[in-house]
Amino acid sequence: MENQDQVHVFATWKVKQGEIDKVLDLLKTVRKESLRESGNLFYKIHQSNTDSNTLILFEGYISDTAVEAHRNTAHFQDLVIGKIVPLLEKREIVLTTPLN
């Protein structure tokens, strides 16, 4: 797979006060299910060193189509959109192309 087809996703989530444990617990399942997707390359969860309520997800997919497929999965719709997003103050997503 050529690198220029890959899409890397950086999602920054600011979690509402008191909800970080619940979000991290839900994310374990989202990560496990996402890694099973045929188009997923990796799914990494990072927590800010200066603000424990800020999470950065670093995800890799083989193509735009794989990102779209990810967003249409049951685990994304049910857990991310249905359960996690209501627990967030802010959510920013940047789709990138890795450069060599």
PDB file of N, CA and C in Angstrom:
ATOM      1  N   MET A   1       0.856  -1.199   0.000  1.00  0.00           N
ATOM      2  CA  MET A   1       0.000   0.000   0.000  1.00  0.00           C
ATOM      3  C   MET A   1       0.890   1.245   0.000  1.00  0.00           C
ATOM      4  N   GLU A   2       0.665   2.103  -0.944  1.00  0.00           N
ATOM      5  CA  GLU A   2       1.425   3.355  -1.019  1.00  0.00           C
ATOM      6  C   GLU A   2       1.018   4.292   0.103  1.00  0.00           C
ATOM      7  N   ASN A   3       2.001   4.978   0.673  1.00  0.00           N
ATOM      8  CA  ASN A   3       1.744   5.909   1.769  1.00  0.00           C
ATOM      9  C   ASN A   3       0.778   7.017   1.394  1.00  0.00           C
ATOM     10  N   GLN A   4       0.850   7.489   0.125  1.00  0.00           N
ATOM     11  CA  GLN A   4       0.001   8.623  -0.243  1.00  0.00           C
ATOM     12  C   GLN A   4      -1.482   8.290  -0.237  1.00  0.00           C
ATOM     13  N   ASP A   5      -1.812   6.991  -0.236  1.00  0.00           N
ATOM     14  CA  ASP A   5      -3.218   6.609  -0.137  1.00  0.00           C
ATOM     15  C   ASP A   5      -3.696   6.585   1.311  1.00  0.00           C
ATOM     16  N   GLN A   6      -2.748   6.427   2.226  1.00  0.00           N
ATOM     17  CA  GLN A   6      -3.104   6.325   3.637  1.00  0.00           C
ATOM     18  C   GLN A   6      -3.681   7.635   4.161  1.00  0.00           C
ATOM     19  N   VAL A   7      -4.558   7.494   5.142  1.00  0.00           N
ATOM     20  CA  VAL A   7      -5.100   8.658   5.836  1.00  0.00           C
ATOM     21  C   VAL A   7      -4.828   8.454   7.316  1.00  0.00           C
ATOM     22  N   HIS A   8      -4.167   9.437   7.920  1.00  0.00           N
ATOM     23  CA  HIS A   8      -3.962   9.428   9.360  1.00  0.00           C
ATOM     24  C   HIS A   8      -4.899  10.457   9.977  1.00  0.00           C
ATOM     25  N   VAL A   9      -5.565  10.055  11.035  1.00  0.00           N
ATOM     26  CA  VAL A   9      -6.560  10.893  11.690  1.00  0.00           C
ATOM     27  C   VAL A   9      -6.022  11.327  13.053  1.00  0.00           C
ATOM     28  N   PHE A  10      -6.090  12.628  13.307  1.00  0.00           N
ATOM     29  CA  PHE A  10      -5.791  13.175  14.625  1.00  0.00           C
ATOM     30  C   PHE A  10      -7.091  13.754  15.165  1.00  0.00           C
ATOM     31  N   ALA A  11      -7.614  13.135  16.212  1.00  0.00           N
ATOM     32  CA  ALA A  11      -8.851  13.626  16.827  1.00  0.00           C
ATOM     33  C   ALA A  11      -8.514  14.129  18.223  1.00  0.00           C
ATOM     34  N   THR A  12      -8.834  15.376  18.479  1.00  0.00           N
ATOM     35  CA  THR A  12      -8.602  15.956  19.807  1.00  0.00           C
ATOM     36  C   THR A  12      -9.940  16.107  20.498  1.00  0.00           C
ATOM     37  N   TRP A  13     -10.049  15.458  21.646  1.00  0.00           N
ATOM     38  CA  TRP A  13     -11.282  15.487  22.423  1.00  0.00           C
ATOM     39  C   TRP A  13     -11.042  16.160  23.754  1.00  0.00           C
ATOM     40  N   LYS A  14     -11.842  17.163  24.062  1.00  0.00           N
ATOM     41  CA  LYS A  14     -11.841  17.779  25.389  1.00  0.00           C
ATOM     42  C   LYS A  14     -13.037  17.189  26.123  1.00  0.00           C
ATOM     43  N   VAL A  15     -12.754  16.380  27.144  1.00  0.00           N
ATOM     44  CA  VAL A  15     -13.795  15.654  27.870  1.00  0.00           C
ATOM     45  C   VAL A  15     -14.345  16.531  29.000  1.00  0.00           C
ATOM     46  N   LYS A  16     -15.664  16.482  29.183  1.00  0.00           N
ATOM     47  CA  LYS A  16     -16.299  17.237  30.259  1.00  0.00           C
ATOM     48  C   LYS A  16     -15.760  16.784  31.613  1.00  0.00           C
ATOM     49  N   GLN A  17     -15.690  17.727  32.534  1.00  0.00           N
ATOM     50  CA  GLN A  17     -15.203  17.444  33.890  1.00  0.00           C
ATOM     51  C   GLN A  17     -15.955  16.256  34.488  1.00  0.00           C
ATOM     52  N   GLY A  18     -15.196  15.311  35.055  1.00  0.00           N
ATOM     53  CA  GLY A  18     -15.801  14.169  35.726  1.00  0.00           C
ATOM     54  C   GLY A  18     -16.167  12.996  34.833  1.00  0.00           C
ATOM     55  N   GLU A  19     -15.941  13.111  33.518  1.00  0.00           N
ATOM     56  CA  GLU A  19     -16.367  12.062  32.586  1.00  0.00           C
ATOM     57  C   GLU A  19     -15.205  11.278  31.958  1.00  0.00           C
ATOM     58  N   ILE A  20     -13.958  11.608  32.326  1.00  0.00           N
ATOM     59  CA  ILE A  20     -12.805  11.001  31.644  1.00  0.00           C
ATOM     60  C   ILE A  20     -12.762   9.480  31.816  1.00  0.00           C
ATOM     61  N   ASP A  21     -13.065   8.980  33.007  1.00  0.00           N
ATOM     62  CA  ASP A  21     -12.995   7.531  33.231  1.00  0.00           C
ATOM     63  C   ASP A  21     -14.005   6.795  32.357  1.00  0.00           C
ATOM     64  N   LYS A  22     -15.200   7.361  32.245  1.00  0.00           N
ATOM     65  CA  LYS A  22     -16.249   6.751  31.425  1.00  0.00           C
ATOM     66  C   LYS A  22     -15.829   6.751  29.951  1.00  0.00           C
ATOM     67  N   VAL A  23     -15.268   7.879  29.490  1.00  0.00           N
ATOM     68  CA  VAL A  23     -14.842   7.985  28.091  1.00  0.00           C
ATOM     69  C   VAL A  23     -13.713   6.992  27.801  1.00  0.00           C
ATOM     70  N   LEU A  24     -12.729   6.906  28.695  1.00  0.00           N
ATOM     71  CA  LEU A  24     -11.612   5.986  28.483  1.00  0.00           C
ATOM     72  C   LEU A  24     -12.094   4.537  28.461  1.00  0.00           C
ATOM     73  N   ASP A  25     -13.061   4.218  29.304  1.00  0.00           N
ATOM     74  CA  ASP A  25     -13.606   2.864  29.339  1.00  0.00           C
ATOM     75  C   ASP A  25     -14.298   2.525  28.007  1.00  0.00           C
ATOM     76  N   LEU A  26     -15.104   3.463  27.496  1.00  0.00           N
ATOM     77  CA  LEU A  26     -15.770   3.259  26.205  1.00  0.00           C
ATOM     78  C   LEU A  26     -14.752   3.159  25.070  1.00  0.00           C
ATOM     79  N   LEU A  27     -13.688   3.967  25.171  1.00  0.00           N
ATOM     80  CA  LEU A  27     -12.670   3.986  24.114  1.00  0.00           C
ATOM     81  C   LEU A  27     -11.939   2.659  23.989  1.00  0.00           C
ATOM     82  N   LYS A  28     -11.802   1.922  25.084  1.00  0.00           N
ATOM     83  CA  LYS A  28     -11.148   0.604  25.010  1.00  0.00           C
ATOM     84  C   LYS A  28     -11.875  -0.283  24.011  1.00  0.00           C
ATOM     85  N   THR A  29     -13.194  -0.269  24.080  1.00  0.00           N
ATOM     86  CA  THR A  29     -13.998  -1.075  23.160  1.00  0.00           C
ATOM     87  C   THR A  29     -13.909  -0.533  21.748  1.00  0.00           C
ATOM     88  N   VAL A  30     -13.979   0.791  21.602  1.00  0.00           N
ATOM     89  CA  VAL A  30     -13.883   1.402  20.267  1.00  0.00           C
ATOM     90  C   VAL A  30     -12.547   1.023  19.625  1.00  0.00           C
ATOM     91  N   ARG A  31     -11.470   1.103  20.392  1.00  0.00           N
ATOM     92  CA  ARG A  31     -10.137   0.779  19.864  1.00  0.00           C
ATOM     93  C   ARG A  31     -10.077  -0.682  19.434  1.00  0.00           C
ATOM     94  N   LYS A  32     -10.542  -1.581  20.292  1.00  0.00           N
ATOM     95  CA  LYS A  32     -10.506  -3.012  20.000  1.00  0.00           C
ATOM     96  C   LYS A  32     -11.271  -3.322  18.711  1.00  0.00           C
ATOM     97  N   GLU A  33     -12.466  -2.736  18.575  1.00  0.00           N
ATOM     98  CA  GLU A  33     -13.288  -2.976  17.383  1.00  0.00           C
ATOM     99  C   GLU A  33     -12.678  -2.319  16.142  1.00  0.00           C
ATOM    100  N   SER A  34     -12.109  -1.127  16.312  1.00  0.00           N
ATOM    101  CA  SER A  34     -11.510  -0.412  15.171  1.00  0.00           C
ATOM    102  C   SER A  34     -10.312  -1.176  14.615  1.00  0.00           C
ATOM    103  N   LEU A  35      -9.511  -1.772  15.507  1.00  0.00           N
ATOM    104  CA  LEU A  35      -8.338  -2.518  15.060  1.00  0.00           C
ATOM    105  C   LEU A  35      -8.725  -3.756  14.248  1.00  0.00           C
ATOM    106  N   ARG A  36      -9.957  -4.217  14.397  1.00  0.00           N
ATOM    107  CA  ARG A  36     -10.446  -5.379  13.633  1.00  0.00           C
ATOM    108  C   ARG A  36     -10.872  -5.004  12.216  1.00  0.00           C
ATOM    109  N   GLU A  37     -11.063  -3.709  11.953  1.00  0.00           N
ATOM    110  CA  GLU A  37     -11.495  -3.279  10.623  1.00  0.00           C
ATOM    111  C   GLU A  37     -10.383  -3.558   9.609  1.00  0.00           C
ATOM    112  N   SER A  38     -10.771  -4.063   8.447  1.00  0.00           N
ATOM    113  CA  SER A  38      -9.760  -4.423   7.438  1.00  0.00           C
ATOM    114  C   SER A  38      -8.958  -3.210   6.966  1.00  0.00           C
ATOM    115  N   GLY A  39      -9.558  -2.024   7.002  1.00  0.00           N
ATOM    116  CA  GLY A  39      -8.870  -0.827   6.524  1.00  0.00           C
ATOM    117  C   GLY A  39      -8.085  -0.075   7.583  1.00  0.00           C
ATOM    118  N   ASN A  40      -8.065  -0.582   8.823  1.00  0.00           N
ATOM    119  CA  ASN A  40      -7.364   0.115   9.907  1.00  0.00           C
ATOM    120  C   ASN A  40      -5.909  -0.328   9.971  1.00  0.00           C
ATOM    121  N   LEU A  41      -5.007   0.644  10.117  1.00  0.00           N
ATOM    122  CA  LEU A  41      -3.579   0.365  10.275  1.00  0.00           C
ATOM    123  C   LEU A  41      -3.163   0.413  11.744  1.00  0.00           C
ATOM    124  N   PHE A  42      -3.718   1.361  12.495  1.00  0.00           N
ATOM    125  CA  PHE A  42      -3.440   1.491  13.926  1.00  0.00           C
ATOM    126  C   PHE A  42      -4.461   2.416  14.564  1.00  0.00           C
ATOM    127  N   TYR A  43      -4.547   2.342  15.896  1.00  0.00           N
ATOM    128  CA  TYR A  43      -5.489   3.183  16.642  1.00  0.00           C
ATOM    129  C   TYR A  43      -4.852   3.424  17.997  1.00  0.00           C
ATOM    130  N   LYS A  44      -4.346   4.628  18.209  1.00  0.00           N
ATOM    131  CA  LYS A  44      -3.603   4.945  19.428  1.00  0.00           C
ATOM    132  C   LYS A  44      -4.305   6.049  20.205  1.00  0.00           C
ATOM    133  N   ILE A  45      -4.397   5.843  21.493  1.00  0.00           N
ATOM    134  CA  ILE A  45      -5.056   6.800  22.383  1.00  0.00           C
ATOM    135  C   ILE A  45      -3.995   7.484  23.230  1.00  0.00           C
ATOM    136  N   HIS A  46      -3.999   8.805  23.216  1.00  0.00           N
ATOM    137  CA  HIS A  46      -3.039   9.588  23.998  1.00  0.00           C
ATOM    138  C   HIS A  46      -3.794  10.506  24.955  1.00  0.00           C
ATOM    139  N   GLN A  47      -3.204  10.731  26.128  1.00  0.00           N
ATOM    140  CA  GLN A  47      -3.780  11.656  27.111  1.00  0.00           C
ATOM    141  C   GLN A  47      -2.782  12.781  27.342  1.00  0.00           C
ATOM    142  N   SER A  48      -3.263  14.013  27.340  1.00  0.00           N
ATOM    143  CA  SER A  48      -2.398  15.177  27.524  1.00  0.00           C
ATOM    144  C   SER A  48      -1.688  15.117  28.875  1.00  0.00           C
ATOM    145  N   ASN A  49      -0.412  15.496  28.884  1.00  0.00           N
ATOM    146  CA  ASN A  49       0.364  15.555  30.128  1.00  0.00           C
ATOM    147  C   ASN A  49      -0.021  16.751  30.985  1.00  0.00           C
ATOM    148  N   THR A  50      -0.631  17.759  30.371  1.00  0.00           N
ATOM    149  CA  THR A  50      -0.960  18.973  31.123  1.00  0.00           C
ATOM    150  C   THR A  50      -2.444  19.091  31.439  1.00  0.00           C
ATOM    151  N   ASP A  51      -3.284  18.309  30.770  1.00  0.00           N
ATOM    152  CA  ASP A  51      -4.720  18.340  31.038  1.00  0.00           C
ATOM    153  C   ASP A  51      -5.279  16.938  30.824  1.00  0.00           C
ATOM    154  N   SER A  52      -5.536  16.232  31.919  1.00  0.00           N
ATOM    155  CA  SER A  52      -5.967  14.832  31.816  1.00  0.00           C
ATOM    156  C   SER A  52      -7.317  14.681  31.126  1.00  0.00           C
ATOM    157  N   ASN A  53      -8.066  15.773  30.966  1.00  0.00           N
ATOM    158  CA  ASN A  53      -9.350  15.713  30.258  1.00  0.00           C
ATOM    159  C   ASN A  53      -9.209  15.888  28.748  1.00  0.00           C
ATOM    160  N   THR A  54      -7.970  16.023  28.258  1.00  0.00           N
ATOM    161  CA  THR A  54      -7.747  16.146  26.817  1.00  0.00           C
ATOM    162  C   THR A  54      -7.139  14.853  26.288  1.00  0.00           C
ATOM    163  N   LEU A  55      -7.837  14.261  25.326  1.00  0.00           N
ATOM    164  CA  LEU A  55      -7.372  13.040  24.673  1.00  0.00           C
ATOM    165  C   LEU A  55      -7.077  13.342  23.214  1.00  0.00           C
ATOM    166  N   ILE A  56      -6.040  12.694  22.697  1.00  0.00           N
ATOM    167  CA  ILE A  56      -5.737  12.793  21.272  1.00  0.00           C
ATOM    168  C   ILE A  56      -5.684  11.379  20.724  1.00  0.00           C
ATOM    169  N   LEU A  57      -6.536  11.115  19.753  1.00  0.00           N
ATOM    170  CA  LEU A  57      -6.549   9.816  19.094  1.00  0.00           C
ATOM    171  C   LEU A  57      -5.751   9.936  17.810  1.00  0.00           C
ATOM    172  N   PHE A  58      -4.872   8.974  17.577  1.00  0.00           N
ATOM    173  CA  PHE A  58      -4.049   8.933  16.374  1.00  0.00           C
ATOM    174  C   PHE A  58      -4.385   7.621  15.684  1.00  0.00           C
ATOM    175  N   GLU A  59      -5.046   7.727  14.535  1.00  0.00           N
ATOM    176  CA  GLU A  59      -5.547   6.550  13.836  1.00  0.00           C
ATOM    177  C   GLU A  59      -5.002   6.522  12.414  1.00  0.00           C
ATOM    178  N   GLY A  60      -4.768   5.322  11.909  1.00  0.00           N
ATOM    179  CA  GLY A  60      -4.307   5.178  10.535  1.00  0.00           C
ATOM    180  C   GLY A  60      -5.228   4.269   9.754  1.00  0.00           C
ATOM    181  N   TYR A  61      -5.511   4.680   8.520  1.00  0.00           N
ATOM    182  CA  TYR A  61      -6.376   3.906   7.623  1.00  0.00           C
ATOM    183  C   TYR A  61      -5.720   3.802   6.261  1.00  0.00           C
ATOM    184  N   ILE A  62      -6.070   2.758   5.519  1.00  0.00           N
ATOM    185  CA  ILE A  62      -5.414   2.525   4.233  1.00  0.00           C
ATOM    186  C   ILE A  62      -5.875   3.485   3.137  1.00  0.00           C
ATOM    187  N   SER A  63      -7.053   4.136   3.353  1.00  0.00           N
ATOM    188  CA  SER A  63      -7.597   5.018   2.304  1.00  0.00           C
ATOM    189  C   SER A  63      -8.739   5.859   2.872  1.00  0.00           C
ATOM    190  N   ASP A  64      -9.184   6.816   2.074  1.00  0.00           N
ATOM    191  CA  ASP A  64     -10.381   7.603   2.426  1.00  0.00           C
ATOM    192  C   ASP A  64     -11.591   6.691   2.604  1.00  0.00           C
ATOM    193  N   THR A  65     -11.674   5.688   1.748  1.00  0.00           N
ATOM    194  CA  THR A  65     -12.793   4.750   1.812  1.00  0.00           C
ATOM    195  C   THR A  65     -12.811   4.015   3.147  1.00  0.00           C
ATOM    196  N   ALA A  66     -11.626   3.671   3.652  1.00  0.00           N
ATOM    197  CA  ALA A  66     -11.529   2.971   4.939  1.00  0.00           C
ATOM    198  C   ALA A  66     -11.958   3.883   6.088  1.00  0.00           C
ATOM    199  N   VAL A  67     -11.647   5.183   5.992  1.00  0.00           N
ATOM    200  CA  VAL A  67     -12.100   6.142   7.013  1.00  0.00           C
ATOM    201  C   VAL A  67     -13.622   6.206   6.996  1.00  0.00           C
ATOM    202  N   GLU A  68     -14.188   6.279   5.798  1.00  0.00           N
ATOM    203  CA  GLU A  68     -15.648   6.339   5.657  1.00  0.00           C
ATOM    204  C   GLU A  68     -16.293   5.073   6.222  1.00  0.00           C
ATOM    205  N   ALA A  69     -15.689   3.921   5.934  1.00  0.00           N
ATOM    206  CA  ALA A  69     -16.202   2.645   6.450  1.00  0.00           C
ATOM    207  C   ALA A  69     -16.162   2.637   7.980  1.00  0.00           C
ATOM    208  N   HIS A  70     -15.063   3.167   8.542  1.00  0.00           N
ATOM    209  CA  HIS A  70     -14.922   3.250  10.004  1.00  0.00           C
ATOM    210  C   HIS A  70     -16.059   4.068  10.613  1.00  0.00           C
ATOM    211  N   ARG A  71     -16.345   5.196   9.992  1.00  0.00           N
ATOM    212  CA  ARG A  71     -17.387   6.087  10.520  1.00  0.00           C
ATOM    213  C   ARG A  71     -18.786   5.483  10.422  1.00  0.00           C
ATOM    214  N   ASN A  72     -18.942   4.488   9.571  1.00  0.00           N
ATOM    215  CA  ASN A  72     -20.244   3.840   9.401  1.00  0.00           C
ATOM    216  C   ASN A  72     -20.402   2.552  10.216  1.00  0.00           C
ATOM    217  N   THR A  73     -19.360   2.174  10.963  1.00  0.00           N
ATOM    218  CA  THR A  73     -19.458   0.947  11.761  1.00  0.00           C
ATOM    219  C   THR A  73     -20.406   1.146  12.939  1.00  0.00           C
ATOM    220  N   ALA A  74     -20.921   0.033  13.431  1.00  0.00           N
ATOM    221  CA  ALA A  74     -21.816   0.080  14.596  1.00  0.00           C
ATOM    222  C   ALA A  74     -21.085   0.635  15.813  1.00  0.00           C
ATOM    223  N   HIS A  75     -19.827   0.233  16.014  1.00  0.00           N
ATOM    224  CA  HIS A  75     -19.126   0.716  17.214  1.00  0.00           C
ATOM    225  C   HIS A  75     -18.865   2.222  17.156  1.00  0.00           C
ATOM    226  N   PHE A  76     -18.608   2.747  15.967  1.00  0.00           N
ATOM    227  CA  PHE A  76     -18.411   4.199  15.868  1.00  0.00           C
ATOM    228  C   PHE A  76     -19.730   4.930  16.114  1.00  0.00           C
ATOM    229  N   GLN A  77     -20.780   4.475  15.458  1.00  0.00           N
ATOM    230  CA  GLN A  77     -22.079   5.140  15.591  1.00  0.00           C
ATOM    231  C   GLN A  77     -22.633   5.022  17.012  1.00  0.00           C
ATOM    232  N   ASP A  78     -22.613   3.816  17.573  1.00  0.00           N
ATOM    233  CA  ASP A  78     -23.206   3.589  18.897  1.00  0.00           C
ATOM    234  C   ASP A  78     -22.364   4.172  20.023  1.00  0.00           C
ATOM    235  N   LEU A  79     -21.049   3.878  19.994  1.00  0.00           N
ATOM    236  CA  LEU A  79     -20.199   4.280  21.113  1.00  0.00           C
ATOM    237  C   LEU A  79     -19.653   5.693  20.979  1.00  0.00           C
ATOM    238  N   VAL A  80     -19.065   6.011  19.819  1.00  0.00           N
ATOM    239  CA  VAL A  80     -18.476   7.351  19.673  1.00  0.00           C
ATOM    240  C   VAL A  80     -19.573   8.407  19.562  1.00  0.00           C
ATOM    241  N   ILE A  81     -20.434   8.268  18.559  1.00  0.00           N
ATOM    242  CA  ILE A  81     -21.469   9.282  18.343  1.00  0.00           C
ATOM    243  C   ILE A  81     -22.529   9.231  19.440  1.00  0.00           C
ATOM    244  N   GLY A  82     -22.970   8.023  19.769  1.00  0.00           N
ATOM    245  CA  GLY A  82     -24.073   7.879  20.730  1.00  0.00           C
ATOM    246  C   GLY A  82     -23.705   8.127  22.179  1.00  0.00           C
ATOM    247  N   LYS A  83     -22.528   7.628  22.613  1.00  0.00           N
ATOM    248  CA  LYS A  83     -22.200   7.684  24.040  1.00  0.00           C
ATOM    249  C   LYS A  83     -21.063   8.624  24.395  1.00  0.00           C
ATOM    250  N   ILE A  84     -20.024   8.710  23.545  1.00  0.00           N
ATOM    251  CA  ILE A  84     -18.861   9.530  23.899  1.00  0.00           C
ATOM    252  C   ILE A  84     -19.072  11.002  23.573  1.00  0.00           C
ATOM    253  N   VAL A  85     -19.541  11.302  22.362  1.00  0.00           N
ATOM    254  CA  VAL A  85     -19.685  12.713  21.960  1.00  0.00           C
ATOM    255  C   VAL A  85     -20.502  13.545  22.966  1.00  0.00           C
ATOM    256  N   PRO A  86     -21.591  12.995  23.549  1.00  0.00           N
ATOM    257  CA  PRO A  86     -22.311  13.799  24.549  1.00  0.00           C
ATOM    258  C   PRO A  86     -21.487  14.119  25.810  1.00  0.00           C
ATOM    259  N   LEU A  87     -20.378  13.396  26.016  1.00  0.00           N
ATOM    260  CA  LEU A  87     -19.529  13.619  27.187  1.00  0.00           C
ATOM    261  C   LEU A  87     -18.359  14.561  26.884  1.00  0.00           C
ATOM    262  N   LEU A  88     -18.344  15.102  25.661  1.00  0.00           N
ATOM    263  CA  LEU A  88     -17.242  15.979  25.245  1.00  0.00           C
ATOM    264  C   LEU A  88     -17.672  17.435  25.232  1.00  0.00           C
ATOM    265  N   GLU A  89     -16.731  18.295  25.654  1.00  0.00           N
ATOM    266  CA  GLU A  89     -16.930  19.747  25.518  1.00  0.00           C
ATOM    267  C   GLU A  89     -16.612  20.172  24.098  1.00  0.00           C
ATOM    268  N   LYS A  90     -15.575  19.541  23.525  1.00  0.00           N
ATOM    269  CA  LYS A  90     -15.094  19.947  22.209  1.00  0.00           C
ATOM    270  C   LYS A  90     -14.502  18.732  21.504  1.00  0.00           C
ATOM    271  N   ARG A  91     -14.633  18.716  20.187  1.00  0.00           N
ATOM    272  CA  ARG A  91     -14.111  17.604  19.378  1.00  0.00           C
ATOM    273  C   ARG A  91     -13.605  18.167  18.064  1.00  0.00           C
ATOM    274  N   GLU A  92     -12.311  17.992  17.826  1.00  0.00           N
ATOM    275  CA  GLU A  92     -11.710  18.454  16.563  1.00  0.00           C
ATOM    276  C   GLU A  92     -11.061  17.276  15.869  1.00  0.00           C
ATOM    277  N   ILE A  93     -11.282  17.177  14.565  1.00  0.00           N
ATOM    278  CA  ILE A  93     -10.730  16.060  13.798  1.00  0.00           C
ATOM    279  C   ILE A  93      -9.978  16.616  12.599  1.00  0.00           C
ATOM    280  N   VAL A  94      -8.733  16.153  12.438  1.00  0.00           N
ATOM    281  CA  VAL A  94      -7.925  16.550  11.283  1.00  0.00           C
ATOM    282  C   VAL A  94      -7.522  15.283  10.541  1.00  0.00           C
ATOM    283  N   LEU A  95      -7.882  15.221   9.255  1.00  0.00           N
ATOM    284  CA  LEU A  95      -7.448  14.118   8.400  1.00  0.00           C
ATOM    285  C   LEU A  95      -6.167  14.550   7.698  1.00  0.00           C
ATOM    286  N   THR A  96      -5.159  13.669   7.714  1.00  0.00           N
ATOM    287  CA  THR A  96      -3.864  14.038   7.148  1.00  0.00           C
ATOM    288  C   THR A  96      -3.355  12.957   6.215  1.00  0.00           C
ATOM    289  N   THR A  97      -2.413  13.348   5.364  1.00  0.00           N
ATOM    290  CA  THR A  97      -1.680  12.422   4.514  1.00  0.00           C
ATOM    291  C   THR A  97      -0.254  12.368   5.038  1.00  0.00           C
ATOM    292  N   PRO A  98       0.255  11.172   5.383  1.00  0.00           N
ATOM    293  CA  PRO A  98       1.638  11.097   5.862  1.00  0.00           C
ATOM    294  C   PRO A  98       2.611  11.420   4.741  1.00  0.00           C
ATOM    295  N   LEU A  99       3.592  12.246   5.038  1.00  0.00           N
ATOM    296  CA  LEU A  99       4.632  12.600   4.064  1.00  0.00           C
ATOM    297  C   LEU A  99       5.919  11.899   4.458  1.00  0.00           C
ATOM    298  N   ASN A 100       6.662  11.465   3.463  1.00  0.00           N
ATOM    299  CA  ASN A 100       7.953  10.801   3.739  1.00  0.00           C
ATOM    300  C   ASN A 100       9.039  11.829   3.946  1.00  0.00           C
TER     301      ASN A 100
END
